[in-house]
Amino acid sequence: GSGGFRKRKHDNFPHGQRREEKENVNPPSALMTSFKSFQLELDTRHDKYERLVKLSRDITIESKRTIFLLHRFTSAPNGEEILSESEVKLDAVRRKIKQVAQELIGEDMYQFHRAISPGLQEYVEAVSFQYFIKTRSLISVEEINKQLIFTAEDREETTNMTSNSHDKQPHLWSLKVTPVDYLLGVADLTGELMRLCISSVGNGDIDTPFELSQFLRQIYDGFTFIGNTGPYEVSKKLYTLKQSLAKVENACYTLKVRGSEIPKHMLADVFSTKTELIDQEEGLP
């Protein structure tokens, strides 16, 4: 009747029957078989990428916790306990990095570099911060990579791997920190050293700020040699590095000029006020 809607011819057939007829009309061809294999390969790669992103997030979180712990070194009565606890935390981070290395067996690391780069940068920051507290020097990228060579002692972690070579697992896993990740991690380290300077002054230590000022100046001079020829991320963090150096040098200036007239327990408040003024002048939030 009028006012109704018309049925299409194929509406009288069940949906499953139409699909079967379509598959019978177009049997699987060599081209479709190839595309299905491509689909499987891409799905496998995407799943591995997501697993690496999650591992990188865990590495970042544990590395940040290690950095927070190391900031207690200046105020703790026994600094050796802090360093020992930080080493335990870094060992746990390296176990996560071992899982990343296992996932990348037989793969080109640079295809998954964006997934793991944030975690590696945070790990470099934590390791270099601990190394500076111990030795008052900068750890090299070669030394960092030596710590990222793992043995096949505990094999239970290999059960989650998707590689086809399950029966022929290598006896060693390694993961190399790229020069870019190392530079970005060192650039972030300068912010932690600036905070270490302020906390040291608050605890009455007036020698550490001058030592940190000289160390940060050397790092800044090294980054200026790279200039705009390096990666974009490195040149972008150069501004933050310069800000950290300015704050430490301002603290040293205040200690040198007014250190004798300001009580030690008030120096940290003076530095905090000056730091806020510098941020306002630079337009920082």
Protein backbone atom coordinates (compact mmCIF):
# COMPACT_ATOMS: atom_id res chain seq x y z
CA GLY A 1 0.00 0.00 0.00
CA SER A 2 0.96 3.66 -0.16
CA GLY A 3 3.03 5.09 2.67
CA GLY A 4 5.10 1.93 3.19
CA PHE A 5 8.68 1.31 2.14
CA ARG A 6 9.73 -1.07 -0.55
CA LYS A 7 11.68 -4.18 0.17
CA ARG A 8 14.84 -4.80 -1.75
CA LYS A 9 15.11 -8.03 -3.61
CA HIS A 10 17.81 -9.51 -1.43
CA ASP A 11 15.97 -8.68 1.83
CA ASN A 12 14.14 -11.99 1.52
CA PHE A 13 17.40 -13.89 2.07
CA PRO A 14 19.18 -14.30 5.39
CA HIS A 15 22.35 -12.28 5.91
CA GLY A 16 24.54 -15.36 6.37
CA GLN A 17 23.25 -16.91 3.14
CA ARG A 18 24.17 -13.76 1.16
CA ARG A 19 27.68 -13.84 2.64
CA GLU A 20 28.15 -17.49 1.65
CA GLU A 21 26.99 -16.76 -1.86
CA LYS A 22 29.42 -13.83 -2.07
CA GLU A 23 32.33 -16.00 -0.93
CA ASN A 24 31.38 -18.64 -3.47
CA VAL A 25 31.34 -16.05 -6.21
CA ASN A 26 34.76 -14.64 -5.23
CA PRO A 27 36.95 -17.53 -4.06
CA PRO A 28 40.21 -16.62 -2.25
CA SER A 29 42.79 -15.47 -4.75
CA ALA A 30 46.56 -15.15 -4.44
CA LEU A 31 46.16 -11.41 -4.01
CA MET A 32 43.69 -11.79 -1.12
CA THR A 33 45.97 -14.35 0.51
CA SER A 34 48.86 -11.89 0.33
CA PHE A 35 46.79 -9.12 1.87
CA LYS A 36 45.72 -11.41 4.71
CA SER A 37 49.36 -12.16 5.44
CA PHE A 38 50.06 -8.43 5.39
CA GLN A 39 47.20 -7.89 7.82
CA LEU A 40 48.58 -10.51 10.19
CA GLU A 41 52.06 -8.99 10.02
CA LEU A 42 50.75 -5.47 10.71
CA ASP A 43 48.57 -6.65 13.59
CA THR A 44 51.55 -8.42 15.14
CA ARG A 45 53.70 -5.31 14.77
CA HIS A 46 51.02 -3.06 16.27
CA ASP A 47 50.58 -5.41 19.23
CA LYS A 48 54.33 -5.36 19.85
CA TYR A 49 54.36 -1.57 19.61
CA GLU A 50 51.64 -1.32 22.26
CA ARG A 51 53.52 -3.69 24.57
CA LEU A 52 56.64 -1.54 24.19
CA VAL A 53 54.67 1.61 24.97
CA LYS A 54 53.42 0.04 28.20
CA LEU A 55 56.93 -1.09 29.15
CA SER A 56 58.28 2.39 28.40
CA ARG A 57 55.60 3.88 30.66
CA ASP A 58 56.61 1.53 33.49
CA ILE A 59 60.28 2.43 32.98
CA THR A 60 59.42 6.13 33.14
CA ILE A 61 57.43 5.76 36.36
CA GLU A 62 60.09 3.72 38.16
CA SER A 63 62.87 6.04 37.01
CA LYS A 64 60.98 9.07 38.33
CA ARG A 65 60.56 7.34 41.68
CA THR A 66 64.31 6.74 41.76
CA ILE A 67 64.97 10.43 41.10
CA PHE A 68 62.58 11.45 43.89
CA LEU A 69 64.40 9.08 46.21
CA LEU A 70 67.82 10.49 45.29
CA HIS A 71 66.66 14.02 46.14
CA ARG A 72 66.49 12.87 49.76
CA PHE A 73 70.25 12.25 49.70
CA THR A 74 71.11 15.78 50.89
CA SER A 75 68.77 15.67 53.88
CA ALA A 76 69.05 11.99 54.86
CA PRO A 77 71.22 11.20 57.89
CA ASN A 78 72.74 8.21 56.11
CA GLY A 79 73.21 8.81 52.41
CA GLU A 80 74.58 5.33 51.72
CA GLU A 81 71.19 3.81 52.48
CA ILE A 82 69.59 6.11 49.91
CA LEU A 83 72.16 5.10 47.30
CA SER A 84 71.66 1.40 48.04
CA GLU A 85 67.89 1.73 47.77
CA SER A 86 68.23 3.64 44.52
CA GLU A 87 70.42 0.87 43.11
CA VAL A 88 67.68 -1.66 43.90
CA LYS A 89 65.14 0.50 42.10
CA LEU A 90 67.42 0.89 39.07
CA ASP A 91 67.89 -2.88 38.93
CA ALA A 92 64.10 -3.21 38.73
CA VAL A 93 64.09 -0.66 35.89
CA ARG A 94 66.78 -2.63 34.06
CA ARG A 95 64.63 -5.75 34.30
CA LYS A 96 61.92 -3.83 32.44
CA ILE A 97 64.49 -2.76 29.86
CA LYS A 98 65.45 -6.42 29.51
CA GLN A 99 61.88 -7.19 28.49
CA VAL A 100 62.13 -4.43 25.89
CA ALA A 101 65.34 -5.99 24.56
CA GLN A 102 63.63 -9.37 24.34
CA GLU A 103 60.75 -7.87 22.39
CA LEU A 104 63.20 -6.35 19.90
CA ILE A 105 65.04 -9.57 19.08
CA GLY A 106 65.18 -9.83 15.30
CA GLU A 107 63.60 -6.38 14.88
CA ASP A 108 64.94 -3.04 13.76
CA MET A 109 65.00 -0.99 16.96
CA TYR A 110 64.47 2.28 15.10
CA GLN A 111 61.07 1.11 13.87
CA PHE A 112 59.96 1.02 17.51
CA HIS A 113 62.18 3.82 18.78
CA ARG A 114 59.34 6.28 19.34
CA ALA A 115 57.62 3.78 21.64
CA ILE A 116 60.61 3.26 23.95
CA SER A 117 62.38 6.64 23.72
CA PRO A 118 60.55 8.37 26.65
CA GLY A 119 61.41 5.54 29.02
CA LEU A 120 65.06 5.42 27.95
CA GLN A 121 65.42 9.18 28.40
CA GLU A 122 64.02 8.99 31.92
CA TYR A 123 66.31 6.05 32.71
CA VAL A 124 69.35 8.01 31.49
CA GLU A 125 68.29 10.90 33.71
CA ALA A 126 67.98 8.66 36.78
CA VAL A 127 71.26 6.80 36.18
CA SER A 128 73.23 9.97 35.46
CA PHE A 129 71.76 11.64 38.57
CA GLN A 130 72.84 8.75 40.76
CA TYR A 131 76.26 8.66 39.09
CA PHE A 132 76.77 12.37 39.71
CA ILE A 133 75.90 12.04 43.41
CA LYS A 134 78.46 9.24 43.70
CA THR A 135 81.32 10.59 41.59
CA ARG A 136 80.51 14.27 40.87
CA SER A 137 80.99 13.57 37.16
CA LEU A 138 78.87 12.72 34.10
CA ILE A 139 78.32 9.11 33.11
CA SER A 140 79.13 8.24 29.50
CA VAL A 141 76.77 6.58 27.06
CA GLU A 142 79.18 3.64 26.80
CA GLU A 143 78.95 3.05 30.54
CA ILE A 144 75.16 3.16 30.38
CA ASN A 145 75.07 0.63 27.55
CA LYS A 146 77.39 -1.71 29.48
CA GLN A 147 74.69 -1.93 32.16
CA LEU A 148 72.09 -2.90 29.54
CA ILE A 149 73.64 -6.26 28.57
CA PHE A 150 71.52 -9.05 30.05
CA THR A 151 72.06 -12.77 30.46
CA ALA A 152 69.53 -15.57 29.96
CA GLU A 153 69.40 -16.63 33.61
CA ASP A 154 65.64 -16.27 34.13
CA ARG A 155 63.77 -17.58 31.12
CA GLU A 156 60.26 -17.14 32.40
CA GLU A 157 60.14 -13.68 30.85
CA THR A 158 60.54 -15.14 27.36
CA THR A 159 57.12 -16.78 27.42
CA ASN A 160 55.41 -13.53 26.38
CA MET A 161 57.59 -13.06 23.33
CA THR A 162 56.09 -13.25 19.86
CA SER A 163 59.28 -14.06 18.01
CA ASN A 164 59.39 -17.17 15.84
CA SER A 165 62.77 -18.28 17.22
CA HIS A 166 61.56 -19.64 20.56
CA ASP A 167 63.78 -22.70 20.39
CA LYS A 168 66.93 -20.76 19.54
CA GLN A 169 67.00 -17.99 22.10
CA PRO A 170 70.32 -16.13 22.35
CA HIS A 171 72.21 -16.25 25.61
CA LEU A 172 72.57 -12.46 25.79
CA TRP A 173 70.15 -9.58 25.33
CA SER A 174 71.30 -6.02 24.91
CA LEU A 175 69.70 -2.67 24.26
CA LYS A 176 71.75 0.35 23.27
CA VAL A 177 70.74 3.85 24.26
CA THR A 178 70.94 6.05 21.17
CA PRO A 179 73.01 9.25 21.28
CA VAL A 180 69.82 11.33 20.98
CA ASP A 181 68.21 9.62 23.98
CA TYR A 182 71.43 10.13 25.93
CA LEU A 183 71.57 13.85 25.12
CA LEU A 184 67.90 14.35 25.98
CA GLY A 185 68.35 12.51 29.28
CA VAL A 186 71.39 14.63 30.18
CA ALA A 187 69.44 17.79 29.31
CA ASP A 188 66.72 16.72 31.75
CA LEU A 189 69.40 15.97 34.34
CA THR A 190 70.24 19.67 34.57
CA GLY A 191 66.80 20.40 36.02
CA GLU A 192 67.36 17.84 38.76
CA LEU A 193 70.80 19.31 39.52
CA MET A 194 69.22 22.75 39.85
CA ARG A 195 66.77 21.34 42.43
CA LEU A 196 69.67 19.61 44.17
CA CYS A 197 71.42 22.96 44.42
CA ILE A 198 68.47 24.65 46.10
CA SER A 199 67.91 21.78 48.53
CA SER A 200 71.62 21.69 49.39
CA VAL A 201 71.59 25.36 50.33
CA GLY A 202 68.49 24.78 52.43
CA ASN A 203 70.45 22.17 54.36
CA GLY A 204 73.33 24.56 54.97
CA ASP A 205 75.65 23.17 52.27
CA ILE A 206 77.23 26.18 50.56
CA ASP A 207 79.92 24.28 48.62
CA THR A 208 77.66 22.16 46.41
CA PRO A 209 76.07 25.11 44.53
CA PHE A 210 79.46 26.34 43.27
CA GLU A 211 80.39 22.82 42.25
CA LEU A 212 77.07 22.39 40.44
CA SER A 213 77.45 25.75 38.72
CA GLN A 214 80.77 24.74 37.20
CA PHE A 215 79.42 21.32 36.19
CA LEU A 216 76.30 22.77 34.54
CA ARG A 217 78.40 25.35 32.71
CA GLN A 218 80.47 22.53 31.19
CA ILE A 219 77.32 20.70 30.09
CA TYR A 220 75.90 23.88 28.59
CA ASP A 221 79.13 24.56 26.71
CA GLY A 222 78.99 21.03 25.33
CA PHE A 223 75.44 21.49 24.10
CA THR A 224 76.30 24.80 22.46
CA PHE A 225 78.81 22.95 20.26
CA ILE A 226 75.88 20.95 18.88
CA GLY A 227 73.78 24.06 18.30
CA ASN A 228 71.11 23.81 15.63
CA THR A 229 72.89 20.98 13.81
CA GLY A 230 71.51 18.35 16.18
CA PRO A 231 68.02 16.91 16.43
CA TYR A 232 65.13 19.28 17.01
CA GLU A 233 64.38 17.88 20.47
CA VAL A 234 67.94 18.62 21.64
CA SER A 235 67.88 22.25 20.50
CA LYS A 236 64.44 22.67 22.10
CA LYS A 237 65.72 21.53 25.51
CA LEU A 238 68.72 23.83 25.30
CA TYR A 239 66.53 26.71 26.51
CA THR A 240 65.47 24.77 29.62
CA LEU A 241 69.12 23.88 30.28
CA LYS A 242 70.03 27.56 30.09
CA GLN A 243 67.28 28.38 32.61
CA SER A 244 68.59 25.80 35.08
CA LEU A 245 72.11 27.16 34.73
CA ALA A 246 70.89 30.72 35.32
CA LYS A 247 69.10 29.71 38.53
CA VAL A 248 72.17 27.92 39.90
CA GLU A 249 74.45 30.82 39.01
CA ASN A 250 71.99 33.21 40.69
CA ALA A 251 72.15 31.06 43.83
CA CYS A 252 75.94 31.18 43.77
CA TYR A 253 75.86 34.95 43.31
CA THR A 254 73.58 35.35 46.31
CA LEU A 255 75.84 33.12 48.40
CA LYS A 256 78.94 35.04 47.39
CA VAL A 257 77.53 38.51 47.88
CA ARG A 258 74.99 38.11 50.69
CA GLY A 259 75.86 34.74 52.17
CA SER A 260 77.45 36.21 55.25
CA GLU A 261 74.48 38.43 56.11
CA ILE A 262 71.66 35.93 55.48
CA PRO A 263 71.18 33.09 58.00
CA LYS A 264 71.58 29.65 56.49
CA HIS A 265 68.05 28.59 57.34
CA MET A 266 66.71 31.54 55.30
CA LEU A 267 68.83 31.05 52.20
CA ALA A 268 66.45 28.53 50.63
CA ASP A 269 63.55 31.01 50.95
CA VAL A 270 65.63 33.72 49.30
CA PHE A 271 66.50 31.42 46.39
CA SER A 272 62.88 30.34 45.97
CA THR A 273 61.79 33.99 45.74
CA LYS A 274 64.51 34.81 43.22
CA THR A 275 63.64 31.74 41.16
CA GLU A 276 60.01 32.84 40.95
CA LEU A 277 61.12 36.32 39.82
CA ILE A 278 63.31 34.82 37.10
CA ASP A 279 60.44 32.67 35.86
CA GLN A 280 58.13 35.68 35.75
CA GLU A 281 60.66 37.71 33.80
CA GLU A 282 61.10 34.88 31.29
CA GLY A 283 57.35 34.36 31.00
CA LEU A 284 57.41 30.84 32.39
CA PRO A 285 54.26 29.46 34.09
